[in-house]
Amino acid sequence: MRLDKFLKVSRLIKRRTVANEACDAGRVLVNGKSAKASLNVKEGDVIEIEFGTRTVKVEVLDVQETVRKDEAKELYKYL
């Protein structure tokens, strides 16, 4: 699954266009490397997102095309 779509489906970022812009600006790292929005995300990847002064670091546990809002938290775990 594309990185921008995973960020939207997991609800780490609310909209796919915002996720796309964050990737283009270099604020999203996957496994320690700057990532493009088209990068393929798989289980076990570590994603770091910079929100201004705050950094969120998560590990991908599962990749699904669609999930309900209350189940979205099961796609990742905070590190």
N, C-alpha and C. Protein backbone atom coordinates (compact mmCIF):
# COMPACT_ATOMS: atom_id res chain seq x y z
N MET A 1 0.85 -1.17 0.00
CA MET A 1 0.00 0.00 0.00
C MET A 1 0.90 1.24 0.00
N ARG A 2 0.45 2.26 -0.71
CA ARG A 2 1.21 3.52 -0.76
C ARG A 2 1.26 4.16 0.63
N LEU A 3 2.36 4.86 0.90
CA LEU A 3 2.56 5.51 2.19
C LEU A 3 1.47 6.54 2.48
N ASP A 4 1.14 7.39 1.50
CA ASP A 4 0.12 8.41 1.76
C ASP A 4 -1.24 7.79 2.07
N LYS A 5 -1.57 6.71 1.41
CA LYS A 5 -2.86 6.04 1.67
C LYS A 5 -2.85 5.38 3.05
N PHE A 6 -1.71 4.77 3.44
CA PHE A 6 -1.63 4.15 4.77
C PHE A 6 -1.81 5.19 5.86
N LEU A 7 -1.19 6.36 5.70
CA LEU A 7 -1.31 7.41 6.71
C LEU A 7 -2.76 7.86 6.85
N LYS A 8 -3.50 7.89 5.75
CA LYS A 8 -4.91 8.27 5.79
C LYS A 8 -5.77 7.16 6.42
N VAL A 9 -5.59 5.91 5.95
CA VAL A 9 -6.39 4.79 6.44
C VAL A 9 -6.16 4.57 7.94
N SER A 10 -4.91 4.71 8.39
CA SER A 10 -4.61 4.51 9.81
C SER A 10 -4.98 5.72 10.65
N ARG A 11 -5.37 6.81 9.98
CA ARG A 11 -5.78 8.06 10.62
C ARG A 11 -4.66 8.73 11.41
N LEU A 12 -3.42 8.49 11.00
CA LEU A 12 -2.29 9.25 11.56
C LEU A 12 -2.33 10.67 10.99
N ILE A 13 -2.75 10.79 9.72
CA ILE A 13 -2.98 12.08 9.08
C ILE A 13 -4.39 12.01 8.49
N LYS A 14 -5.17 13.09 8.65
CA LYS A 14 -6.60 13.03 8.32
C LYS A 14 -6.90 12.90 6.84
N ARG A 15 -6.15 13.62 5.98
CA ARG A 15 -6.46 13.60 4.55
C ARG A 15 -5.25 13.15 3.74
N ARG A 16 -5.52 12.47 2.64
CA ARG A 16 -4.46 11.93 1.81
C ARG A 16 -3.63 13.05 1.17
N THR A 17 -4.26 14.15 0.82
CA THR A 17 -3.51 15.26 0.22
C THR A 17 -2.54 15.86 1.22
N VAL A 18 -2.94 15.93 2.48
CA VAL A 18 -2.06 16.45 3.53
C VAL A 18 -0.90 15.48 3.73
N ALA A 19 -1.17 14.19 3.70
CA ALA A 19 -0.12 13.17 3.82
C ALA A 19 0.86 13.29 2.66
N ASN A 20 0.32 13.52 1.47
CA ASN A 20 1.15 13.68 0.27
C ASN A 20 2.07 14.89 0.41
N GLU A 21 1.53 16.01 0.89
CA GLU A 21 2.32 17.22 1.07
C GLU A 21 3.40 17.04 2.14
N ALA A 22 3.08 16.31 3.22
CA ALA A 22 4.07 16.05 4.27
C ALA A 22 5.23 15.22 3.73
N CYS A 23 4.92 14.26 2.88
CA CYS A 23 5.97 13.43 2.27
C CYS A 23 6.84 14.28 1.34
N ASP A 24 6.21 15.13 0.54
CA ASP A 24 6.95 15.99 -0.39
C ASP A 24 7.86 16.96 0.35
N ALA A 25 7.44 17.40 1.54
CA ALA A 25 8.22 18.36 2.32
C ALA A 25 9.34 17.68 3.10
N GLY A 26 9.40 16.33 3.07
CA GLY A 26 10.45 15.60 3.76
C GLY A 26 10.21 15.44 5.25
N ARG A 27 8.95 15.56 5.68
CA ARG A 27 8.63 15.42 7.10
C ARG A 27 8.25 14.01 7.50
N VAL A 28 8.28 13.07 6.55
CA VAL A 28 7.94 11.67 6.85
C VAL A 28 9.16 10.80 6.54
N LEU A 29 9.58 10.02 7.53
CA LEU A 29 10.70 9.10 7.36
C LEU A 29 10.19 7.67 7.53
N VAL A 30 10.67 6.78 6.69
CA VAL A 30 10.35 5.36 6.83
C VAL A 30 11.67 4.62 6.99
N ASN A 31 11.82 3.92 8.11
CA ASN A 31 13.04 3.20 8.44
C ASN A 31 14.26 4.12 8.39
N GLY A 32 14.08 5.37 8.87
CA GLY A 32 15.18 6.31 8.96
C GLY A 32 15.53 7.07 7.70
N LYS A 33 14.80 6.82 6.61
CA LYS A 33 15.08 7.50 5.34
C LYS A 33 13.88 8.34 4.92
N SER A 34 14.15 9.48 4.32
CA SER A 34 13.08 10.32 3.80
C SER A 34 12.31 9.55 2.74
N ALA A 35 10.97 9.62 2.80
CA ALA A 35 10.15 8.78 1.94
C ALA A 35 9.22 9.60 1.05
N LYS A 36 9.01 9.10 -0.16
CA LYS A 36 8.02 9.70 -1.06
C LYS A 36 6.66 9.10 -0.75
N ALA A 37 5.60 9.77 -1.21
CA ALA A 37 4.24 9.31 -0.95
C ALA A 37 3.95 7.97 -1.62
N SER A 38 4.68 7.65 -2.69
CA SER A 38 4.42 6.42 -3.44
C SER A 38 5.14 5.21 -2.87
N LEU A 39 5.93 5.38 -1.81
CA LEU A 39 6.66 4.26 -1.21
C LEU A 39 5.71 3.16 -0.74
N ASN A 40 6.06 1.92 -0.98
CA ASN A 40 5.24 0.80 -0.55
C ASN A 40 5.48 0.51 0.92
N VAL A 41 4.44 0.56 1.74
CA VAL A 41 4.55 0.29 3.17
C VAL A 41 4.21 -1.17 3.43
N LYS A 42 5.00 -1.81 4.29
CA LYS A 42 4.73 -3.21 4.65
C LYS A 42 4.84 -3.37 6.16
N GLU A 43 4.39 -4.50 6.66
CA GLU A 43 4.43 -4.76 8.10
C GLU A 43 5.86 -4.73 8.59
N GLY A 44 6.08 -4.12 9.76
CA GLY A 44 7.41 -4.04 10.35
C GLY A 44 8.13 -2.73 10.06
N ASP A 45 7.64 -1.93 9.12
CA ASP A 45 8.25 -0.64 8.82
C ASP A 45 8.05 0.33 10.00
N VAL A 46 9.04 1.19 10.21
CA VAL A 46 8.94 2.22 11.25
C VAL A 46 8.77 3.57 10.56
N ILE A 47 7.69 4.25 10.88
CA ILE A 47 7.36 5.54 10.26
C ILE A 47 7.51 6.65 11.29
N GLU A 48 8.24 7.71 10.93
CA GLU A 48 8.38 8.89 11.78
C GLU A 48 7.74 10.07 11.05
N ILE A 49 6.86 10.79 11.74
CA ILE A 49 6.19 11.95 11.15
C ILE A 49 6.48 13.16 12.04
N GLU A 50 6.93 14.26 11.42
CA GLU A 50 7.19 15.49 12.16
C GLU A 50 5.99 16.41 12.04
N PHE A 51 5.35 16.68 13.20
CA PHE A 51 4.24 17.63 13.27
C PHE A 51 4.76 18.88 13.98
N GLY A 52 5.33 19.81 13.25
CA GLY A 52 5.89 21.02 13.87
C GLY A 52 7.05 20.65 14.78
N THR A 53 6.88 20.84 16.10
CA THR A 53 7.94 20.52 17.05
C THR A 53 7.83 19.10 17.58
N ARG A 54 6.70 18.45 17.31
CA ARG A 54 6.45 17.10 17.84
C ARG A 54 6.76 16.05 16.78
N THR A 55 7.34 14.94 17.19
CA THR A 55 7.61 13.83 16.28
C THR A 55 6.87 12.59 16.76
N VAL A 56 6.16 11.94 15.84
CA VAL A 56 5.43 10.72 16.15
C VAL A 56 6.15 9.56 15.47
N LYS A 57 6.45 8.52 16.24
CA LYS A 57 7.15 7.35 15.69
C LYS A 57 6.28 6.12 15.93
N VAL A 58 5.92 5.43 14.83
CA VAL A 58 5.06 4.25 14.93
C VAL A 58 5.65 3.09 14.13
N GLU A 59 5.26 1.88 14.53
CA GLU A 59 5.62 0.68 13.77
C GLU A 59 4.36 0.13 13.13
N VAL A 60 4.46 -0.23 11.85
CA VAL A 60 3.32 -0.77 11.12
C VAL A 60 3.10 -2.22 11.54
N LEU A 61 1.89 -2.52 12.02
CA LEU A 61 1.54 -3.88 12.44
C LEU A 61 0.74 -4.61 11.37
N ASP A 62 -0.09 -3.88 10.63
CA ASP A 62 -0.96 -4.49 9.64
C ASP A 62 -1.25 -3.48 8.54
N VAL A 63 -1.47 -3.97 7.34
CA VAL A 63 -1.80 -3.11 6.21
C VAL A 63 -3.14 -3.58 5.64
N GLN A 64 -4.16 -2.70 5.68
CA GLN A 64 -5.47 -3.02 5.14
C GLN A 64 -5.97 -1.85 4.31
N GLU A 65 -6.75 -2.16 3.29
CA GLU A 65 -7.27 -1.12 2.40
C GLU A 65 -8.28 -0.21 3.08
N THR A 66 -9.18 -0.80 3.87
CA THR A 66 -10.18 -0.01 4.58
C THR A 66 -10.37 -0.58 5.99
N VAL A 67 -10.55 0.32 6.95
CA VAL A 67 -10.84 -0.10 8.33
C VAL A 67 -11.82 0.89 8.93
N ARG A 68 -12.54 0.44 9.95
CA ARG A 68 -13.43 1.35 10.66
C ARG A 68 -12.60 2.22 11.59
N LYS A 69 -13.18 3.34 11.99
CA LYS A 69 -12.46 4.32 12.78
C LYS A 69 -11.90 3.73 14.08
N ASP A 70 -12.71 2.95 14.78
CA ASP A 70 -12.25 2.39 16.06
C ASP A 70 -11.22 1.28 15.90
N GLU A 71 -11.09 0.71 14.70
CA GLU A 71 -10.11 -0.35 14.46
C GLU A 71 -8.81 0.19 13.85
N ALA A 72 -8.77 1.47 13.52
CA ALA A 72 -7.60 2.05 12.86
C ALA A 72 -6.36 2.01 13.75
N LYS A 73 -6.55 2.08 15.07
CA LYS A 73 -5.41 2.06 15.99
C LYS A 73 -4.69 0.72 16.00
N GLU A 74 -5.33 -0.32 15.50
CA GLU A 74 -4.72 -1.65 15.49
C GLU A 74 -3.75 -1.84 14.33
N LEU A 75 -3.66 -0.86 13.43
CA LEU A 75 -2.76 -0.96 12.29
C LEU A 75 -1.32 -0.60 12.64
N TYR A 76 -1.13 0.07 13.79
CA TYR A 76 0.21 0.52 14.18
C TYR A 76 0.33 0.54 15.69
N LYS A 77 1.59 0.64 16.17
CA LYS A 77 1.81 0.85 17.61
C LYS A 77 2.86 1.95 17.78
N TYR A 78 2.66 2.78 18.79
CA TYR A 78 3.58 3.88 19.07
C TYR A 78 4.87 3.33 19.65
N LEU A 79 5.99 3.95 19.27
CA LEU A 79 7.29 3.56 19.80
C LEU A 79 7.84 4.65 20.69
